[in-house]
């Protein structure tokens, strides 16, 4: 019965509980910080587009050896740098304040429900809920912080990819392949390349999600064991201070779980590093024929390369954040399991 109960606890349950923050007494603050965060992301997008436009003027002036234009571009870059810094600062401020407010609300809600349930720590352990304090503080923090970061990442991905796809379409024009004009060939190229890299990254990261969840569970069990048992050995007479054998078992288990996580993360980092090396070269190669034929300027190539990278990076967001997604999933499930058990404690008693 317990296994069936806990298998039903899902990410959906956590999200339902967490998003109550936007409907409670603090909803005005939540919406203020949330809208501020989104507006800051829009400001960052605007600065990225302006810098992309700036790169064309700068490199065209560089190609034409126009010293006056180069100096004017450098002055303009200083203003763009200040604008980017301001947009970034506002984004960090709104994001972190939203994370803090949301996390404190979630912790307060969990503590209130725990107190109201009158469940002891031992009773929670009976339902396979170890270390409830860590679930509330540490897992709650990770679940909310990563939720905000991932939500912002998804919004920014949609905004920046759609904006720079338009840039690629307009600047790239068309190429003739086997007698047929292919318009927006740079857009198709970045979409195909991104699909290939995303599939490869996701193929590597899917096993990592399970490994991270198992690692988090092992860490929680070990913390609980120390909390409940270490005092027995600290207070023991001098003749009985040998380290208990079960601690070595915990160390062995942690080593195995962490080794699986390290192995999976190493594969992902290696794949990402290779992608970061190859991706900047692809748009230059694709644009080189048009540059040599005089259909593109140096500024066009650099603007296209920057736009290509922006789109490729944004569309690869999910694959690039696989490890964060795994951490968030593990923490969210641990918080959901605690909350589900507390809320349904009386029902569990009836089942028994």
Foldseek 3Di string as FASTA:
>chain_A
DLVVLLVPQALVLLVVVLCCCCVDPCVVVLVVLVVLLLVLLVLLLVLLVVVLVLLLQLQLCVVVVPPVSNVVSVVVVVVSVVSNVVSVVSNVVSLVVSLVVSLVVQLVVLVVLLVVLPDDQVNVVVSVQFDVVCLSPVLSSLLSSLVSVVVSLLSSLVVLLVVLLVVLQVLVAWDADPNDTDGSVLSVVLVVVLVVLLVVLCVLLPVLLVLLLQLVSLVRVLVRCCVVPVVVLVPDPPVRNDDDPVVVVSVVSNVVSVVVNVVSVVVLVVSVVVCVVVLLVVLLVVCVVCVVVVNDGPSSSSSNSSSSVSNSCSSSVCSVCSNSVSSNRSSSSSNSSSSSCSVCVVVVVVVD
